[in-house]
Amino acid sequence: MAIPLGQHQTEIESNLSAWRRKPLLRAVYADFYRRLQRHFQPSLPGRVVEIGSGIGNLHDHFPTAIRTDLFPNPWLDLTCDAYELPWCNDALSHLFLVDVFHHLEAPRAFLHEAQRVLVPRGRLVILDPFISWFSYPVYGWFHHEPVAWSAPIRMDLSWPRPRNYYAAQGNATRIFFRDQYPECLLGWKVLEAEVMAGFAYLLSGGFSGPSLAPATLLPLVRPLDACAARWPRCFGVRCLVCLERRAD
């Protein structure tokens, strides 16, 4: 059954409420954003854009980034669709997607559009769920979005309107770590594909579950996450992928 695109705005409002009442969630995402900052290359020409900014949290770490989403909200700079970016060719230096990639029903169409607007060697940085033996049941049983681990992924080079709400939490893992759809990476160089364990993230409850620990516990959980990340297929929960548009 197709879900109306307006579901996206409903989730933004719910996420904003969770963000305000969960200090551990805010601290965990601050760690995520610091990881994203490592992939910012200030020497590249062009603007920095976040696709699917949601409640706009990334702006505290990238204050010059243009915040975009499908629906207007007071904290956003622009409304636009990931499949039809309102910039000319070779206009942007960086594109950031935080918890957005798994909402792209036709990810290759977006990656094709991202290549168009990024300058040569421009960067696309993605933070998304990672599916492992540990995280699969967690995402599958306790999160409202499907994992869709074996569902086909659309490889269209364009994605026409109308577009419905879509989610498949396993897509980033399958495309960037399992090499199931190598055509997605044509024209891209993978600068980094990092898997993170996420015990701290899970203790925060994410945006949809209850928080299970105070923020003061985070320094104690970070070493556990660092150790568990050595076995990504067992304990991976989140992934960070940095792609570079090939100059040729």
Protein backbone atom coordinates (compact mmCIF):
# COMPACT_ATOMS: atom_id res chain seq x y z
CA MET A 1 0.00 0.00 0.00
CA ALA A 2 1.33 3.44 -0.95
CA ILE A 3 1.76 5.84 1.96
CA PRO A 4 1.11 9.53 1.27
CA LEU A 5 4.21 11.73 1.11
CA GLY A 6 2.76 13.80 3.94
CA GLN A 7 3.86 11.04 6.32
CA HIS A 8 7.31 12.62 6.04
CA GLN A 9 6.11 15.86 7.66
CA THR A 10 4.34 13.89 10.37
CA GLU A 11 7.64 12.20 11.24
CA ILE A 12 9.48 15.53 11.33
CA GLU A 13 7.07 16.83 13.96
CA SER A 14 7.46 13.64 16.01
CA ASN A 15 11.27 13.78 15.70
CA LEU A 16 11.36 17.37 16.89
CA SER A 17 9.48 16.40 20.04
CA ALA A 18 11.87 13.48 20.69
CA TRP A 19 14.92 15.67 20.12
CA ARG A 20 13.81 18.22 22.69
CA ARG A 21 13.16 15.70 25.46
CA LYS A 22 16.14 13.32 24.96
CA PRO A 23 19.56 14.65 26.00
CA LEU A 24 21.27 11.31 25.23
CA LEU A 25 19.92 11.36 21.68
CA ARG A 26 21.30 14.87 21.17
CA ALA A 27 24.72 13.80 22.52
CA VAL A 28 24.83 10.70 20.29
CA TYR A 29 24.03 12.73 17.20
CA ALA A 30 26.65 15.30 18.14
CA ASP A 31 29.16 12.45 17.86
CA PHE A 32 27.72 11.53 14.46
CA TYR A 33 28.00 15.12 13.23
CA ARG A 34 31.63 15.33 14.31
CA ARG A 35 32.31 12.28 12.15
CA LEU A 36 30.64 14.04 9.22
CA GLN A 37 32.83 17.08 9.77
CA ARG A 38 35.93 14.99 9.06
CA HIS A 39 34.81 14.69 5.45
CA PHE A 40 34.32 18.38 4.83
CA GLN A 41 36.87 19.68 2.33
CA PRO A 42 36.94 23.51 2.57
CA SER A 43 39.11 23.92 -0.54
CA LEU A 44 36.31 22.72 -2.82
CA PRO A 45 34.36 25.49 -4.62
CA GLY A 46 30.59 25.67 -4.34
CA ARG A 47 27.87 25.69 -1.70
CA VAL A 48 27.26 23.07 0.99
CA VAL A 49 23.75 21.56 1.00
CA GLU A 50 21.96 19.17 3.32
CA ILE A 51 19.23 17.09 1.68
CA GLY A 52 16.33 16.14 3.93
CA SER A 53 17.31 18.36 6.84
CA GLY A 54 14.30 17.32 8.89
CA ILE A 55 14.47 19.25 12.17
CA GLY A 56 17.70 21.00 11.13
CA ASN A 57 20.13 19.60 13.71
CA LEU A 58 23.16 19.49 11.41
CA HIS A 59 23.14 23.27 11.11
CA ASP A 60 24.85 23.66 14.49
CA HIS A 61 27.91 21.90 13.03
CA PHE A 62 27.67 23.29 9.46
CA PRO A 63 26.17 26.78 9.89
CA THR A 64 26.79 27.72 6.24
CA ALA A 65 24.97 24.65 4.87
CA ILE A 66 21.73 25.22 3.00
CA ARG A 67 18.99 23.30 4.80
CA THR A 68 16.41 21.66 2.53
CA ASP A 69 13.45 19.34 2.82
CA LEU A 70 10.23 18.37 1.06
CA PHE A 71 8.01 20.57 3.22
CA PRO A 72 8.57 24.14 4.43
CA ASN A 73 9.44 24.70 8.08
CA PRO A 74 10.70 27.87 9.80
CA TRP A 75 14.23 26.53 10.30
CA LEU A 76 14.73 25.48 6.67
CA ASP A 77 16.23 27.53 3.84
CA LEU A 78 14.66 25.81 0.85
CA THR A 79 12.08 23.21 -0.13
CA CYS A 80 13.18 20.80 -2.84
CA ASP A 81 13.08 17.20 -3.97
CA ALA A 82 16.21 15.02 -3.94
CA TYR A 83 15.45 13.83 -7.47
CA GLU A 84 15.17 17.38 -8.87
CA LEU A 85 17.77 19.57 -7.19
CA PRO A 86 17.38 23.27 -8.00
CA TRP A 87 21.03 23.97 -8.83
CA CYS A 88 22.88 24.14 -12.09
CA ASN A 89 25.63 21.72 -13.08
CA ASP A 90 28.83 21.78 -11.00
CA ALA A 91 27.38 24.17 -8.41
CA LEU A 92 27.85 22.40 -5.06
CA SER A 93 30.90 21.26 -3.13
CA HIS A 94 29.18 18.94 -0.63
CA LEU A 95 25.87 17.15 -0.19
CA PHE A 96 25.03 15.74 3.25
CA LEU A 97 22.28 13.17 3.89
CA VAL A 98 21.56 12.21 7.50
CA ASP A 99 18.99 9.42 7.87
CA VAL A 100 17.72 10.18 4.37
CA PHE A 101 19.25 7.66 1.97
CA HIS A 102 16.94 4.82 3.05
CA HIS A 103 13.96 6.99 2.10
CA LEU A 104 15.04 7.17 -1.56
CA GLU A 105 12.93 4.72 -3.52
CA ALA A 106 15.16 5.15 -6.59
CA PRO A 107 18.63 5.72 -5.07
CA ARG A 108 20.44 5.52 -8.40
CA ALA A 109 18.28 8.37 -9.72
CA PHE A 110 19.36 10.51 -6.77
CA LEU A 111 23.03 9.56 -7.15
CA HIS A 112 22.82 10.53 -10.82
CA GLU A 113 21.32 13.90 -9.89
CA ALA A 114 23.95 14.42 -7.18
CA GLN A 115 26.70 13.91 -9.75
CA ARG A 116 25.14 16.62 -11.89
CA VAL A 117 25.13 19.33 -9.21
CA LEU A 118 28.45 18.49 -7.50
CA VAL A 119 31.71 19.93 -8.74
CA PRO A 120 34.37 17.43 -9.89
CA ARG A 121 35.71 15.77 -6.72
CA GLY A 122 32.72 17.16 -4.84
CA ARG A 123 31.60 15.03 -1.91
CA LEU A 124 28.42 13.20 -1.01
CA VAL A 125 28.35 12.19 2.67
CA ILE A 126 25.69 9.75 3.89
CA LEU A 127 24.80 8.65 7.44
CA ASP A 128 22.26 5.83 7.54
CA PRO A 129 21.27 2.62 9.33
CA PHE A 130 23.56 -0.40 8.94
CA ILE A 131 22.13 -3.91 9.00
CA SER A 132 24.09 -6.53 10.95
CA TRP A 133 23.22 -9.71 12.83
CA PHE A 134 22.65 -7.53 15.90
CA SER A 135 20.81 -4.59 14.34
CA TYR A 136 18.51 -6.54 12.01
CA PRO A 137 16.09 -7.66 14.74
CA VAL A 138 16.33 -4.29 16.48
CA TYR A 139 15.39 -2.34 13.38
CA GLY A 140 12.92 -4.98 12.25
CA TRP A 141 11.03 -5.41 15.51
CA PHE A 142 11.30 -2.03 17.22
CA HIS A 143 11.25 0.45 14.36
CA HIS A 144 8.23 1.35 12.27
CA GLU A 145 10.21 1.50 9.00
CA PRO A 146 10.81 -1.80 7.15
CA VAL A 147 14.30 -3.23 6.72
CA ALA A 148 13.29 -4.62 3.29
CA TRP A 149 16.44 -6.75 3.22
CA SER A 150 15.47 -8.83 0.21
CA ALA A 151 13.13 -6.43 -1.60
CA PRO A 152 14.30 -5.23 -5.03
CA ILE A 153 15.81 -1.73 -5.16
CA ARG A 154 14.83 0.48 -8.08
CA MET A 155 17.74 1.31 -10.38
CA ASP A 156 15.94 3.88 -12.56
CA LEU A 157 18.04 6.87 -13.65
CA SER A 158 15.06 9.18 -13.10
CA TRP A 159 12.05 8.94 -10.84
CA PRO A 160 8.83 10.59 -12.08
CA ARG A 161 6.11 12.13 -9.98
CA PRO A 162 3.92 11.39 -8.09
CA ARG A 163 6.23 10.07 -5.36
CA ASN A 164 4.99 8.32 -2.25
CA TYR A 165 6.57 7.96 1.16
CA TYR A 166 9.20 5.19 1.09
CA ALA A 167 11.56 3.55 3.57
CA ALA A 168 13.92 0.56 3.38
CA GLN A 169 16.49 0.62 6.18
CA GLY A 170 18.69 -2.01 4.55
CA ASN A 171 19.40 -0.12 1.32
CA ALA A 172 22.64 1.63 2.31
CA THR A 173 24.12 -1.64 3.61
CA ARG A 174 23.17 -3.52 0.46
CA ILE A 175 24.46 -0.87 -1.95
CA PHE A 176 27.64 0.33 -0.24
CA PHE A 177 28.75 -2.71 1.77
CA ARG A 178 27.33 -5.79 0.03
CA ASP A 179 27.96 -4.69 -3.59
CA GLN A 180 24.51 -5.81 -4.65
CA TYR A 181 23.97 -2.87 -7.00
CA PRO A 182 27.39 -1.81 -8.36
CA GLU A 183 25.80 0.38 -11.04
CA CYS A 184 24.96 2.88 -8.28
CA LEU A 185 28.65 3.68 -7.85
CA LEU A 186 29.42 4.41 -11.50
CA GLY A 187 31.10 7.82 -11.58
CA TRP A 188 31.88 7.78 -7.85
CA LYS A 189 34.98 7.08 -5.81
CA VAL A 190 34.39 5.68 -2.32
CA LEU A 191 36.57 7.69 0.05
CA GLU A 192 35.27 5.98 3.17
CA ALA A 193 32.68 3.38 4.12
CA GLU A 194 32.67 3.18 7.91
CA VAL A 195 30.47 1.02 10.11
CA MET A 196 29.72 2.06 13.67
CA ALA A 197 28.40 0.01 16.54
CA GLY A 198 25.50 1.76 18.18
CA PHE A 199 24.87 0.71 21.75
CA ALA A 200 24.74 4.38 22.76
CA TYR A 201 22.32 5.12 19.94
CA LEU A 202 20.08 2.21 20.92
CA LEU A 203 20.12 3.26 24.57
CA SER A 204 18.91 6.69 23.47
CA GLY A 205 15.86 5.04 21.91
CA GLY A 206 16.46 6.86 18.67
CA PHE A 207 13.65 9.16 17.60
CA SER A 208 10.85 6.62 17.99
CA GLY A 209 11.59 4.61 21.14
CA PRO A 210 11.95 5.41 24.85
CA SER A 211 15.29 6.60 26.17
CA LEU A 212 16.88 3.91 28.35
CA ALA A 213 19.79 5.84 29.88
CA PRO A 214 20.86 9.37 30.87
CA ALA A 215 23.29 11.37 28.74
CA THR A 216 25.88 11.11 31.52
CA LEU A 217 26.29 7.42 30.61
CA LEU A 218 27.62 8.20 27.13
CA PRO A 219 31.36 8.40 28.08
CA LEU A 220 31.09 4.89 29.50
CA VAL A 221 29.38 3.45 26.41
CA ARG A 222 31.69 5.01 23.79
CA PRO A 223 34.55 2.52 24.48
CA LEU A 224 32.10 -0.38 24.14
CA ASP A 225 30.95 0.96 20.76
CA ALA A 226 34.55 1.42 19.61
CA CYS A 227 35.39 -2.17 20.53
CA ALA A 228 32.25 -3.69 18.97
CA ALA A 229 32.83 -1.77 15.72
CA ARG A 230 35.73 -4.15 14.99
CA TRP A 231 33.11 -6.73 14.03
CA PRO A 232 30.75 -4.72 11.81
CA ARG A 233 28.76 -7.64 10.42
CA CYS A 234 27.98 -8.71 13.96
CA PHE A 235 27.45 -5.42 15.80
CA GLY A 236 27.14 -2.64 13.20
CA VAL A 237 24.20 -0.28 13.73
CA ARG A 238 25.04 2.86 11.73
CA CYS A 239 27.18 3.56 8.68
CA LEU A 240 28.91 6.59 7.22
CA VAL A 241 29.75 6.67 3.51
CA CYS A 242 31.74 9.42 1.81
CA LEU A 243 31.64 9.44 -1.99
CA GLU A 244 33.62 11.68 -4.30
CA ARG A 245 32.40 12.60 -7.76
CA ARG A 246 35.06 11.42 -10.18
CA ALA A 247 36.68 14.20 -12.15
CA ASP A 248 36.26 12.29 -15.41
